[in-house]
C-alpha atoms as a PDB file:
ATOM      1  CA  MET A   1      93.904  76.250 106.495  1.00  0.00           C
ATOM      2  CA  SER A   2      95.825  76.286 103.030  1.00  0.00           C
ATOM      3  CA  GLN A   3      98.968  77.115 104.629  1.00  0.00           C
ATOM      4  CA  LEU A   4      99.023  73.880 106.508  1.00  0.00           C
ATOM      5  CA  LYS A   5      97.611  71.782 103.870  1.00  0.00           C
ATOM      6  CA  PHE A   6      99.607  72.889 100.623  1.00  0.00           C
ATOM      7  CA  GLY A   7     102.207  74.777 101.877  1.00  0.00           C
ATOM      8  CA  THR A   8     101.737  78.201 100.508  1.00  0.00           C
ATOM      9  CA  ALA A   9     103.083  81.316 102.046  1.00  0.00           C
ATOM     10  CA  TYR A  10     100.906  83.951 103.753  1.00  0.00           C
ATOM     11  CA  VAL A  11     100.614  87.167 101.754  1.00  0.00           C
ATOM     12  CA  ASP A  12      99.436  90.549 103.484  1.00  0.00           C
ATOM     13  CA  LYS A  13      96.942  91.940 101.056  1.00  0.00           C
ATOM     14  CA  GLY A  14      96.944  95.372 102.771  1.00  0.00           C
ATOM     15  CA  THR A  15      94.480  97.456 104.452  1.00  0.00           C
ATOM     16  CA  GLU A  16      93.459  99.165 101.183  1.00  0.00           C
ATOM     17  CA  TYR A  17      92.184  95.448  99.921  1.00  0.00           C
ATOM     18  CA  TYR A  18      90.351  94.873 103.240  1.00  0.00           C
ATOM     19  CA  GLU A  19      88.807  98.171 103.212  1.00  0.00           C
ATOM     20  CA  ALA A  20      87.550  98.196  99.321  1.00  0.00           C
ATOM     21  CA  LYS A  21      85.929  94.363 100.209  1.00  0.00           C
ATOM     22  CA  TYR A  22      84.181  95.981 102.906  1.00  0.00           C
ATOM     23  CA  ARG A  23      82.833  98.810 100.992  1.00  0.00           C
ATOM     24  CA  CYS A  24      82.004  96.560  98.321  1.00  0.00           C
ATOM     25  CA  HIS A  25      79.791  94.468 101.043  1.00  0.00           C
ATOM     26  CA  GLN A  26      78.419  97.161 102.240  1.00  0.00           C
ATOM     27  CA  THR A  27      77.142  98.443  99.192  1.00  0.00           C
ATOM     28  CA  LYS A  28      75.534  95.180  98.106  1.00  0.00           C
ATOM     29  CA  TRP A  29      73.790  94.914 101.620  1.00  0.00           C
ATOM     30  CA  LEU A  30      72.670  98.527 100.715  1.00  0.00           C
ATOM     31  CA  GLN A  31      71.293  97.947  97.536  1.00  0.00           C
ATOM     32  CA  LYS A  32      69.509  94.762  98.885  1.00  0.00           C
ATOM     33  CA  GLU A  33      67.784  96.681 101.723  1.00  0.00           C
ATOM     34  CA  ALA A  34      66.694  99.610  99.346  1.00  0.00           C
ATOM     35  CA  ALA A  35      65.160  96.944  96.904  1.00  0.00           C
ATOM     36  CA  ALA A  36      63.244  95.558  99.746  1.00  0.00           C
ATOM     37  CA  LEU A  37      62.011  99.013 100.183  1.00  0.00           C
ATOM     38  CA  ASN A  38      61.194  99.616  96.551  1.00  0.00           C
ATOM     39  CA  LEU A  39      64.022 102.242  96.465  1.00  0.00           C
ATOM     40  CA  GLN A  40      66.869 102.584  94.053  1.00  0.00           C
ATOM     41  CA  LEU A  41      70.299 103.556  94.922  1.00  0.00           C
ATOM     42  CA  ILE A  42      72.192 106.125  92.479  1.00  0.00           C
ATOM     43  CA  PRO A  43      75.949 106.603  92.705  1.00  0.00           C
ATOM     44  CA  THR A  44      77.203 110.223  93.447  1.00  0.00           C
ATOM     45  CA  GLN A  45      80.752 111.330  93.133  1.00  0.00           C
ATOM     46  CA  GLY A  46      83.020 111.068  96.275  1.00  0.00           C
ATOM     47  CA  ILE A  47      82.712 113.664  99.263  1.00  0.00           C
ATOM     48  CA  ALA A  48      84.819 116.539  98.748  1.00  0.00           C
END
């Protein structure tokens, strides 16, 4: 919409950007679900 209204160019942010955004959304959702069950998420190192 802003492209038509303001004449801005489309910029492809790349796959990495969208995957990071998706992971962040999933993490927030999982934390919310865990809190509803009186659980706490503990971050771990990446899978080897």
